[in-house]
Amino acid sequence: MIEAQTQIQQVPEAYDSLLFTEDFFALVNSRLDPLVVSGHVHHVVGGSAFAATQDYAMARNAKCTSSNLACDLSNYWTPHLYYKWRNGSYTAVTGDGMTNYWKYPLTNVDKADPFAALPDDFRMLAGDIKRDDFDPHKAVSFLCVDAQGIYHYSDDMPTDRECPTLRPQLHFPECWNGVDSYKEDNSHVAYPIDANPEGGVCPEGFKKIPHLLLESTYHITPENIGEGYEWYPGCFVLANGDNNGFSFHADWLNGFPSNFLTEAFHQCYDTASGLLIKDCPYITQFRGDTGRGCVTEGDVINELVGQHVAIPALPGNNPEYNSSKYSDNYPKGSIQGYTEQASIVKASDATGGFCIEGLCTDYIGSDLVAPQSGGAAVVPANNTSAGTTPSGAPAAGASASSAITDSVPPSNSASGTAPTNVLGPDATMSIFPISVDPVNPSGTIPPTAAAVQNSVTAPAASAPYDSQSRHWSRRNGRRRL
């Protein structure tokens, strides 16, 4: 494809930088990550080729995408959101997939060549899993839509109000060094240096690239969590254990046709008016109800991640912590004696553990990793005290489910404070978390894993894509914000 140069004369006041959006069904919720070693559950959307090891060629060979833009075989992923029951167990909140906003702000760009063409094998991260203070780039935020429909934006997960809709969202870096398709420290890309994540000033030597704003929406209802759900301050936690939200981040592995994003601007920018053509044929030719039935053909992990069930711990070595360096529960600790036992397997009907039409279920393969007989002591990084073996620990040979249930005592705090783990210092625990019965004032508990697998039904069909509103209807029939 020969790239046409688009000379920018001036930016009209009416200029709208948004060219197109994508809406995604969920593809898989798993601890897979082709870019970095992360160890926590990701909410993954996009091309069906998503796997533990992946490159551009593999992405382009995907059979389908969960996007409503058929040419985008990229993958995007963020830490999954969990609800913490009052007894300390966790359930993965059923999400609405994601929405991408592709923008082309024309401030602080080279008017002769405003957006650099990205290499095919381009990958990058947004946000920072190690961040422990307010975001200097103003790239990450959380939207809470309260019961009155009022929008509230915050730098961390809100704890002062109930949010029937909770939406973590972030801007990806829009500055690129013009050389590397990826660097492990993510230094090949950068945020603008003027705290303006969209249309700001790039560091010296960096070029502007198309701007990506990503939203990951969760509707907080008993349907999406479990019967007995009730809001209380601090009841939500990211899959990496962060109950504050500073560490929220996202990854993008490119799967667009070569130079699609830059060519989209050249094809859809009207030089006469200085405006973007919103229904540009270059993009609309790929529109359609394409993402609904896309099923992963890549990898899954042989573990439960808490989809429609309660689990006693977050998958992986992810004790709960507060990502603010001013918190008493900072920094993140580790689970004493933790040993990794799960493995990567090829996804199939026999394994489950993936999503279909927005409905995600846990792994059901025969090689599901069983829990070890012991539990795990959570040892914060700033606390060297060892746990002690409780007198009520189950005897050897006791059932695994009863062992884990007994290890998760109910909270004695009305605020839902996590219970103290007092299991033995030498104990180990698989990443496989057996379902437990969370405290439930209604007397109805979330289903066991077996019950979920035996009773799953297809979700109601959602309305087709509406080019005017640019959004899918929500997966179970309600409109997504």
Protein backbone atom coordinates (compact mmCIF):
# COMPACT_ATOMS: atom_id res chain seq x y z
CA MET A 1 0.00 0.00 0.00
CA ILE A 2 1.39 3.38 -1.00
CA GLU A 3 0.84 5.93 1.72
CA ALA A 4 -0.55 9.28 0.60
CA GLN A 5 0.81 12.31 2.40
CA THR A 6 -1.85 14.55 3.90
CA GLN A 7 -0.86 18.17 4.38
CA ILE A 8 -2.60 19.75 7.38
CA GLN A 9 -3.33 23.41 6.70
CA GLN A 10 -5.14 24.42 9.89
CA VAL A 11 -7.39 22.78 12.46
CA PRO A 12 -10.99 24.05 12.37
CA GLU A 13 -12.75 24.69 15.68
CA ALA A 14 -15.29 22.03 14.72
CA TYR A 15 -12.59 19.37 14.36
CA ASP A 16 -13.47 16.13 16.14
CA SER A 17 -10.44 13.87 16.56
CA LEU A 18 -12.50 10.66 16.86
CA LEU A 19 -12.45 8.74 13.58
CA PHE A 20 -13.86 5.34 14.57
CA THR A 21 -14.69 3.09 17.49
CA GLU A 22 -14.62 -0.64 18.08
CA ASP A 23 -16.76 -2.67 20.45
CA PHE A 24 -15.53 -6.07 21.60
CA PHE A 25 -17.07 -9.13 23.12
CA ALA A 26 -14.87 -10.82 25.70
CA LEU A 27 -12.62 -13.53 24.25
CA VAL A 28 -11.08 -15.12 27.36
CA ASN A 29 -10.34 -14.28 31.00
CA SER A 30 -7.00 -15.85 31.79
CA ARG A 31 -3.51 -15.34 33.24
CA LEU A 32 -2.01 -15.40 29.76
CA ASP A 33 0.15 -12.48 28.63
CA PRO A 34 2.22 -12.59 25.41
CA LEU A 35 4.15 -9.42 26.29
CA VAL A 36 5.25 -9.58 29.92
CA VAL A 37 5.29 -12.03 32.83
CA SER A 38 2.38 -10.73 34.88
CA GLY A 39 0.78 -13.61 36.78
CA HIS A 40 -2.74 -12.18 37.14
CA VAL A 41 -6.02 -12.75 35.32
CA HIS A 42 -6.61 -10.59 32.24
CA HIS A 43 -9.83 -9.61 30.56
CA VAL A 44 -8.90 -10.27 26.91
CA VAL A 45 -10.62 -9.19 23.70
CA GLY A 46 -9.80 -9.30 20.00
CA GLY A 47 -8.34 -11.90 17.66
CA SER A 48 -8.93 -15.60 18.25
CA ALA A 49 -5.20 -16.43 18.01
CA PHE A 50 -4.45 -15.02 21.49
CA ALA A 51 -1.81 -17.25 23.08
CA ALA A 52 1.02 -17.27 25.61
CA THR A 53 3.51 -16.75 22.78
CA GLN A 54 2.28 -14.59 19.93
CA ASP A 55 3.54 -12.28 17.22
CA TYR A 56 2.06 -10.26 14.38
CA ALA A 57 2.02 -13.13 11.90
CA MET A 58 0.11 -15.31 14.36
CA ALA A 59 -2.33 -12.51 15.08
CA ARG A 60 -3.05 -11.97 11.37
CA ASN A 61 -3.71 -15.70 10.97
CA ALA A 62 -6.56 -15.59 13.49
CA LYS A 63 -9.81 -17.05 12.18
CA CYS A 64 -11.94 -14.30 13.69
CA THR A 65 -12.05 -11.36 16.08
CA SER A 66 -14.43 -10.42 18.89
CA SER A 67 -14.42 -6.87 17.50
CA ASN A 68 -17.14 -5.43 15.28
CA LEU A 69 -14.35 -4.28 12.95
CA ALA A 70 -13.43 -7.44 11.07
CA CYS A 71 -9.97 -6.33 9.95
CA ASP A 72 -8.67 -5.80 13.51
CA LEU A 73 -7.12 -9.08 14.64
CA SER A 74 -5.22 -7.33 17.44
CA ASN A 75 -5.54 -8.36 21.07
CA TYR A 76 -6.11 -6.01 23.98
CA TRP A 77 -6.16 -6.96 27.65
CA THR A 78 -6.52 -5.42 31.10
CA PRO A 79 -6.54 -6.80 34.68
CA HIS A 80 -9.93 -8.33 35.39
CA LEU A 81 -12.20 -6.85 38.06
CA TYR A 82 -13.15 -8.96 41.10
CA TYR A 83 -15.77 -8.60 43.80
CA LYS A 84 -14.69 -9.48 47.31
CA TRP A 85 -17.35 -11.16 49.42
CA ARG A 86 -17.50 -10.25 53.10
CA ASN A 87 -15.91 -13.56 54.10
CA GLY A 88 -12.82 -12.82 51.97
CA SER A 89 -13.61 -14.94 48.93
CA TYR A 90 -13.69 -13.50 45.40
CA THR A 91 -15.82 -13.67 42.27
CA ALA A 92 -14.85 -12.35 38.84
CA VAL A 93 -17.31 -9.67 37.78
CA THR A 94 -18.84 -10.45 34.38
CA GLY A 95 -17.67 -7.67 32.10
CA ASP A 96 -19.04 -6.08 28.95
CA GLY A 97 -15.94 -6.53 26.85
CA MET A 98 -14.22 -3.33 25.80
CA THR A 99 -14.59 -0.27 23.62
CA ASN A 100 -11.75 1.35 21.66
CA TYR A 101 -11.80 4.95 20.51
CA TRP A 102 -9.30 5.65 17.72
CA LYS A 103 -8.51 9.36 17.58
CA TYR A 104 -6.34 11.64 15.50
CA PRO A 105 -5.75 14.88 17.42
CA LEU A 106 -4.01 17.43 15.23
CA THR A 107 -2.33 19.46 17.96
CA ASN A 108 1.45 19.24 18.34
CA VAL A 109 1.91 17.17 15.19
CA ASP A 110 4.10 17.47 12.12
CA LYS A 111 1.60 18.98 9.72
CA ALA A 112 3.36 17.46 6.72
CA ASP A 113 3.25 13.95 8.19
CA PRO A 114 1.05 14.01 11.31
CA PHE A 115 0.98 10.31 12.25
CA ALA A 116 3.84 7.86 11.85
CA ALA A 117 3.25 4.48 10.25
CA LEU A 118 3.71 1.77 12.86
CA PRO A 119 5.66 -1.43 12.20
CA ASP A 120 3.56 -4.56 11.82
CA ASP A 121 4.86 -6.22 14.97
CA PHE A 122 4.05 -3.19 17.12
CA ARG A 123 3.09 -3.75 20.77
CA MET A 124 2.79 -1.45 23.74
CA LEU A 125 1.49 -1.07 27.28
CA ALA A 126 -0.62 1.70 28.78
CA GLY A 127 -0.67 2.75 32.41
CA ASP A 128 1.86 1.32 34.85
CA ILE A 129 1.39 -1.72 37.08
CA LYS A 130 4.04 -0.30 39.43
CA ARG A 131 2.41 3.12 39.84
CA ASP A 132 1.86 4.03 43.49
CA ASP A 133 0.73 7.66 43.33
CA PHE A 134 -1.56 9.89 41.30
CA ASP A 135 -0.98 9.63 37.56
CA PRO A 136 1.36 12.39 36.33
CA HIS A 137 0.23 11.71 32.75
CA LYS A 138 -3.50 11.84 33.59
CA ALA A 139 -3.91 8.76 31.41
CA VAL A 140 -5.80 6.40 33.75
CA SER A 141 -9.16 7.04 35.40
CA PHE A 142 -12.28 5.31 36.69
CA LEU A 143 -15.81 6.30 35.74
CA CYS A 144 -18.60 5.65 38.24
CA VAL A 145 -22.18 6.05 37.11
CA ASP A 146 -24.22 6.19 40.31
CA ALA A 147 -27.82 5.17 40.91
CA GLN A 148 -29.02 8.64 39.86
CA GLY A 149 -27.16 8.38 36.55
CA ILE A 150 -24.58 10.97 37.57
CA TYR A 151 -21.06 10.53 36.19
CA HIS A 152 -18.14 10.67 38.61
CA TYR A 153 -14.50 10.45 37.47
CA SER A 154 -11.67 9.57 39.84
CA ASP A 155 -8.00 8.56 39.77
CA ASP A 156 -8.68 5.41 41.77
CA MET A 157 -11.53 2.96 42.24
CA PRO A 158 -14.34 4.81 44.04
CA THR A 159 -15.08 3.70 47.60
CA ASP A 160 -17.37 6.55 48.65
CA ARG A 161 -20.41 5.55 46.58
CA GLU A 162 -22.01 2.56 44.93
CA CYS A 163 -21.49 2.39 41.17
CA PRO A 164 -24.09 0.43 39.19
CA THR A 165 -21.68 0.98 36.30
CA LEU A 166 -17.92 0.97 36.89
CA ARG A 167 -15.60 1.68 33.98
CA PRO A 168 -11.81 1.58 34.24
CA GLN A 169 -10.42 3.49 31.25
CA LEU A 170 -7.07 4.68 29.98
CA HIS A 171 -5.22 6.43 27.21
CA PHE A 172 -2.40 4.59 25.49
CA PRO A 173 0.86 6.44 24.83
CA GLU A 174 0.65 8.49 21.61
CA CYS A 175 4.38 9.12 21.15
CA TRP A 176 6.75 6.58 19.53
CA ASN A 177 10.53 6.62 19.11
CA GLY A 178 10.16 5.78 15.42
CA VAL A 179 12.46 2.75 15.64
CA ASP A 180 11.40 -0.11 17.88
CA SER A 181 8.28 -2.21 17.53
CA TYR A 182 8.55 -3.12 21.21
CA LYS A 183 10.93 -2.79 24.17
CA GLU A 184 10.49 -4.74 27.37
CA ASP A 185 10.52 -1.61 29.50
CA ASN A 186 7.98 0.04 27.15
CA SER A 187 10.44 2.89 26.52
CA HIS A 188 9.79 2.76 22.76
CA VAL A 189 6.64 4.75 23.50
CA ALA A 190 5.91 7.67 25.82
CA TYR A 191 3.11 9.86 27.05
CA PRO A 192 3.17 13.58 26.23
CA ILE A 193 5.33 15.55 28.60
CA ASP A 194 2.72 18.23 29.32
CA ALA A 195 0.24 16.00 31.23
CA ASN A 196 -2.09 16.10 28.23
CA PRO A 197 -2.49 12.44 27.21
CA GLU A 198 -4.47 13.31 24.06
CA GLY A 199 -2.81 15.77 21.72
CA GLY A 200 0.00 16.81 24.05
CA VAL A 201 3.67 17.52 23.38
CA CYS A 202 5.85 14.47 22.71
CA PRO A 203 9.35 14.08 24.15
CA GLU A 204 12.21 15.15 21.93
CA GLY A 205 12.80 12.67 19.11
CA PHE A 206 9.38 10.97 19.40
CA LYS A 207 6.70 10.93 16.72
CA LYS A 208 2.94 11.07 17.05
CA ILE A 209 0.95 7.90 16.38
CA PRO A 210 -2.85 7.35 16.26
CA HIS A 211 -4.37 7.78 19.70
CA LEU A 212 -6.14 4.90 21.48
CA LEU A 213 -8.55 5.39 24.37
CA LEU A 214 -9.71 2.07 25.84
CA GLU A 215 -12.70 1.49 28.11
CA SER A 216 -13.47 -1.70 30.05
CA THR A 217 -17.04 -1.56 31.34
CA TYR A 218 -18.64 -3.54 34.18
CA HIS A 219 -22.31 -3.41 35.14
CA ILE A 220 -22.42 -4.15 38.86
CA THR A 221 -25.47 -6.32 39.40
CA PRO A 222 -26.26 -9.63 41.16
CA GLU A 223 -26.60 -11.12 37.69
CA ASN A 224 -22.96 -10.30 36.93
CA ILE A 225 -21.57 -11.20 40.36
CA GLY A 226 -23.91 -13.56 42.20
CA GLU A 227 -26.98 -13.59 44.38
CA GLY A 228 -26.31 -11.95 47.70
CA TYR A 229 -24.17 -9.20 46.17
CA GLU A 230 -24.14 -6.04 48.25
CA TRP A 231 -21.98 -2.99 47.88
CA TYR A 232 -19.67 -1.88 50.66
CA PRO A 233 -16.58 0.38 50.55
CA GLY A 234 -13.57 -1.46 49.19
CA CYS A 235 -15.46 -4.45 47.80
CA PHE A 236 -13.76 -4.35 44.38
CA VAL A 237 -10.21 -5.41 43.61
CA LEU A 238 -8.18 -5.83 40.44
CA ALA A 239 -6.89 -9.29 39.55
CA ASN A 240 -3.33 -8.36 40.57
CA GLY A 241 -4.59 -7.72 44.12
CA ASP A 242 -4.85 -3.92 43.89
CA ASN A 243 -7.93 -2.62 45.72
CA ASN A 244 -7.04 1.01 45.01
CA GLY A 245 -6.59 1.05 41.22
CA PHE A 246 -3.36 2.98 40.63
CA SER A 247 -1.87 -0.12 38.98
CA PHE A 248 -4.55 -0.41 36.30
CA HIS A 249 -2.93 -0.95 32.91
CA ALA A 250 -3.57 -2.40 29.47
CA ASP A 251 -1.69 -4.10 26.64
CA TRP A 252 -2.10 -3.97 22.87
CA LEU A 253 -0.57 -6.43 20.41
CA ASN A 254 -1.14 -5.16 16.87
CA GLY A 255 -3.13 -7.26 14.43
CA PHE A 256 -4.36 -4.62 11.95
CA PRO A 257 -3.46 -4.95 8.27
CA SER A 258 -0.12 -3.28 7.53
CA ASN A 259 -0.29 0.48 8.09
CA PHE A 260 -4.08 0.42 8.46
CA LEU A 261 -4.26 3.00 11.25
CA THR A 262 -2.17 5.65 9.50
CA GLU A 263 -3.74 4.99 6.13
CA ALA A 264 -7.18 5.39 7.75
CA PHE A 265 -6.30 8.99 8.49
CA HIS A 266 -5.05 9.69 4.97
CA GLN A 267 -8.15 8.09 3.44
CA CYS A 268 -10.66 9.66 5.84
CA TYR A 269 -9.31 13.19 6.33
CA ASP A 270 -10.98 15.76 4.11
CA THR A 271 -8.30 18.31 3.24
CA ALA A 272 -10.90 20.77 1.93
CA SER A 273 -12.86 21.02 5.18
CA GLY A 274 -10.07 19.99 7.52
CA LEU A 275 -12.42 17.44 9.12
CA LEU A 276 -12.52 13.67 9.43
CA ILE A 277 -15.10 11.75 7.41
CA LYS A 278 -17.04 9.85 10.06
CA ASP A 279 -18.61 7.22 7.79
CA CYS A 280 -15.45 6.71 5.78
CA PRO A 281 -15.75 3.72 3.39
CA TYR A 282 -12.16 2.73 4.14
CA ILE A 283 -13.39 1.76 7.62
CA THR A 284 -17.08 0.95 7.12
CA GLN A 285 -16.22 -1.79 4.63
CA PHE A 286 -15.06 -3.86 7.61
CA ARG A 287 -18.09 -3.15 9.81
CA GLY A 288 -20.58 -5.83 10.79
CA ASP A 289 -21.90 -8.15 13.46
CA THR A 290 -18.62 -10.03 13.35
CA GLY A 291 -17.49 -10.42 16.96
CA ARG A 292 -20.44 -12.23 18.44
CA GLY A 293 -19.52 -15.84 17.71
CA CYS A 294 -15.72 -15.57 17.78
CA VAL A 295 -14.15 -18.26 19.99
CA THR A 296 -10.51 -18.46 20.98
CA GLU A 297 -8.30 -20.93 19.14
CA GLY A 298 -5.30 -20.14 21.32
CA ASP A 299 -4.33 -21.08 24.87
CA VAL A 300 -5.99 -21.20 28.28
CA ILE A 301 -4.76 -21.97 31.81
CA ASN A 302 -6.05 -25.10 33.56
CA GLU A 303 -7.45 -23.27 36.57
CA LEU A 304 -10.60 -21.66 37.86
CA VAL A 305 -10.64 -17.87 37.78
CA GLY A 306 -13.92 -17.36 39.64
CA GLN A 307 -16.41 -16.86 36.82
CA HIS A 308 -19.85 -17.34 38.37
CA VAL A 309 -18.28 -18.98 41.43
CA ALA A 310 -16.62 -17.76 44.61
CA ILE A 311 -12.96 -18.62 45.09
CA PRO A 312 -10.88 -18.25 48.26
CA ALA A 313 -8.01 -16.32 46.70
CA LEU A 314 -7.18 -14.41 43.55
CA PRO A 315 -5.51 -16.70 40.98
CA GLY A 316 -1.73 -16.52 41.06
CA ASN A 317 0.52 -15.03 43.70
CA ASN A 318 -1.67 -11.98 44.20
CA PRO A 319 -2.44 -11.11 47.81
CA GLU A 320 -4.64 -8.06 48.17
CA TYR A 321 -2.92 -4.71 48.71
CA ASN A 322 -3.42 -0.97 48.27
CA SER A 323 -1.36 0.52 45.44
CA SER A 324 -1.11 3.94 47.09
CA LYS A 325 2.27 4.39 48.72
CA TYR A 326 0.50 6.31 51.48
CA SER A 327 -1.51 3.24 52.49
CA ASP A 328 -0.77 0.98 55.45
CA ASN A 329 -1.30 -2.00 53.14
CA TYR A 330 1.51 -1.03 50.74
CA PRO A 331 3.58 -2.37 49.05
CA LYS A 332 2.30 -5.62 47.61
CA GLY A 333 3.46 -8.72 49.45
CA SER A 334 3.56 -12.34 48.38
CA ILE A 335 1.94 -15.58 49.44
CA GLN A 336 4.38 -17.47 51.62
CA GLY A 337 5.22 -20.87 50.18
CA TYR A 338 3.35 -20.19 46.94
CA THR A 339 4.18 -22.68 44.18
CA GLU A 340 2.96 -22.45 40.60
CA GLN A 341 1.22 -25.64 39.52
CA ALA A 342 -1.08 -24.68 36.68
CA SER A 343 -0.04 -25.00 33.06
CA ILE A 344 -0.87 -23.64 29.63
CA VAL A 345 -3.08 -25.84 27.48
CA LYS A 346 -4.64 -25.50 24.06
CA ALA A 347 -8.23 -24.28 24.25
CA SER A 348 -10.92 -26.72 23.10
CA ASP A 349 -14.49 -27.73 23.85
CA ALA A 350 -13.08 -30.23 26.34
CA THR A 351 -11.20 -27.57 28.29
CA GLY A 352 -13.65 -24.68 28.34
CA GLY A 353 -12.27 -21.64 30.08
CA PHE A 354 -13.18 -19.12 27.38
CA CYS A 355 -16.03 -16.85 26.28
CA ILE A 356 -18.80 -17.24 23.72
CA GLU A 357 -21.07 -14.31 22.86
CA GLY A 358 -19.95 -12.51 26.00
CA LEU A 359 -20.63 -15.46 28.30
CA CYS A 360 -17.42 -16.63 30.00
CA THR A 361 -17.03 -19.88 31.90
CA ASP A 362 -14.27 -21.47 33.91
CA TYR A 363 -11.92 -24.27 32.92
CA ILE A 364 -13.54 -27.73 32.93
CA GLY A 365 -10.76 -29.94 31.56
CA SER A 366 -9.87 -33.22 33.21
CA ASP A 367 -6.43 -31.84 34.10
CA LEU A 368 -7.86 -29.10 36.29
CA VAL A 369 -5.21 -28.40 38.90
CA ALA A 370 -6.32 -29.61 42.32
CA PRO A 371 -5.51 -27.66 45.49
CA GLN A 372 -2.75 -28.74 47.79
CA SER A 373 -3.71 -29.78 51.30
CA GLY A 374 -2.35 -26.65 52.92
CA GLY A 375 -3.27 -22.99 52.60
CA ALA A 376 -1.12 -19.94 52.14
CA ALA A 377 0.04 -17.21 54.46
CA VAL A 378 -0.06 -13.71 53.06
CA VAL A 379 3.12 -11.92 54.07
CA PRO A 380 3.17 -8.21 53.18
CA ALA A 381 6.51 -6.95 51.94
CA ASN A 382 6.81 -4.69 54.98
CA ASN A 383 5.85 -7.40 57.45
CA THR A 384 8.22 -10.27 58.20
CA SER A 385 6.04 -12.06 60.75
CA ALA A 386 5.11 -15.61 59.87
CA GLY A 387 1.64 -17.03 60.09
CA THR A 388 0.58 -19.65 62.60
CA THR A 389 -1.31 -22.86 62.10
CA PRO A 390 -4.90 -22.47 63.32
CA SER A 391 -6.19 -24.97 65.81
CA GLY A 392 -9.18 -25.56 63.58
CA ALA A 393 -7.18 -26.63 60.52
CA PRO A 394 -8.71 -29.67 58.82
CA ALA A 395 -7.08 -33.00 59.38
CA ALA A 396 -5.02 -34.67 56.68
CA GLY A 397 -7.24 -36.28 54.12
CA ALA A 398 -10.10 -33.86 54.64
CA SER A 399 -11.87 -32.72 51.48
CA ALA A 400 -10.18 -29.96 49.56
CA SER A 401 -13.30 -27.83 49.48
CA SER A 402 -13.79 -28.04 53.24
CA ALA A 403 -10.11 -27.30 53.80
CA ILE A 404 -10.29 -24.09 51.81
CA THR A 405 -13.69 -23.11 53.19
CA ASP A 406 -12.33 -23.47 56.72
CA SER A 407 -9.33 -21.33 55.81
CA VAL A 408 -11.47 -18.33 54.86
CA PRO A 409 -13.12 -17.10 58.07
CA PRO A 410 -15.94 -14.57 57.88
CA SER A 411 -14.97 -10.95 58.28
CA ASN A 412 -15.69 -9.44 61.67
CA SER A 413 -15.96 -5.97 60.20
CA ALA A 414 -19.08 -4.38 58.85
CA SER A 415 -16.94 -2.59 56.30
CA GLY A 416 -15.93 -5.85 54.65
CA THR A 417 -12.30 -5.75 55.78
CA ALA A 418 -10.40 -8.77 54.51
CA PRO A 419 -10.00 -11.55 57.08
CA THR A 420 -6.54 -12.26 58.43
CA ASN A 421 -4.96 -15.38 56.97
CA VAL A 422 -3.41 -17.45 59.74
CA LEU A 423 -2.41 -20.58 57.87
CA GLY A 424 0.88 -22.33 58.39
CA PRO A 425 4.14 -20.66 57.34
CA ASP A 426 5.22 -23.67 55.31
CA ALA A 427 1.90 -24.13 53.54
CA THR A 428 1.60 -23.98 49.78
CA MET A 429 -1.38 -23.43 47.59
CA SER A 430 -2.14 -24.14 43.97
CA ILE A 431 -3.40 -21.32 41.80
CA PHE A 432 -6.53 -23.45 41.43
CA PRO A 433 -9.09 -22.02 43.86
CA ILE A 434 -11.95 -24.35 44.82
CA SER A 435 -15.33 -22.65 45.10
CA VAL A 436 -16.48 -21.63 48.55
CA ASP A 437 -19.79 -20.33 49.80
CA PRO A 438 -19.56 -16.59 50.39
CA VAL A 439 -21.46 -14.95 53.21
CA ASN A 440 -24.89 -14.17 51.83
CA PRO A 441 -27.64 -12.47 53.76
CA SER A 442 -30.27 -13.86 51.39
CA GLY A 443 -29.25 -17.43 52.13
CA THR A 444 -28.60 -18.07 48.44
CA ILE A 445 -24.99 -18.78 47.52
CA PRO A 446 -23.20 -18.42 44.20
CA PRO A 447 -23.24 -21.74 42.35
CA THR A 448 -20.45 -24.27 42.50
CA ALA A 449 -18.27 -24.81 39.46
CA ALA A 450 -20.15 -27.98 38.53
CA ALA A 451 -23.48 -26.21 38.76
CA VAL A 452 -22.27 -23.44 36.49
CA GLN A 453 -20.99 -25.83 33.85
CA ASN A 454 -24.22 -27.83 33.89
CA SER A 455 -26.59 -24.89 33.73
CA VAL A 456 -25.01 -22.36 31.38
CA THR A 457 -27.42 -21.03 28.80
CA ALA A 458 -26.76 -18.73 25.90
CA PRO A 459 -27.33 -15.04 26.51
CA ALA A 460 -30.14 -13.18 24.86
CA ALA A 461 -29.26 -11.94 21.40
CA SER A 462 -28.20 -8.33 21.37
CA ALA A 463 -29.12 -5.74 18.79
CA PRO A 464 -26.81 -5.21 15.83
CA TYR A 465 -24.22 -2.50 15.69
CA ASP A 466 -25.65 1.00 15.40
CA SER A 467 -23.38 3.19 13.31
CA GLN A 468 -24.98 6.35 14.69
CA SER A 469 -24.45 5.57 18.37
CA ARG A 470 -21.19 3.67 17.69
CA HIS A 471 -21.96 1.14 20.41
CA TRP A 472 -23.22 -2.39 20.62
CA SER A 473 -26.16 -3.07 22.81
CA ARG A 474 -25.08 -4.71 26.01
CA ARG A 475 -24.52 -8.45 25.80
CA ASN A 476 -27.61 -9.33 27.84
CA GLY A 477 -29.86 -6.84 26.13
CA ARG A 478 -29.25 -3.67 28.11
CA ARG A 479 -27.49 -0.76 26.50
CA ARG A 480 -23.83 -0.30 27.36
CA LEU A 481 -22.56 3.14 28.35
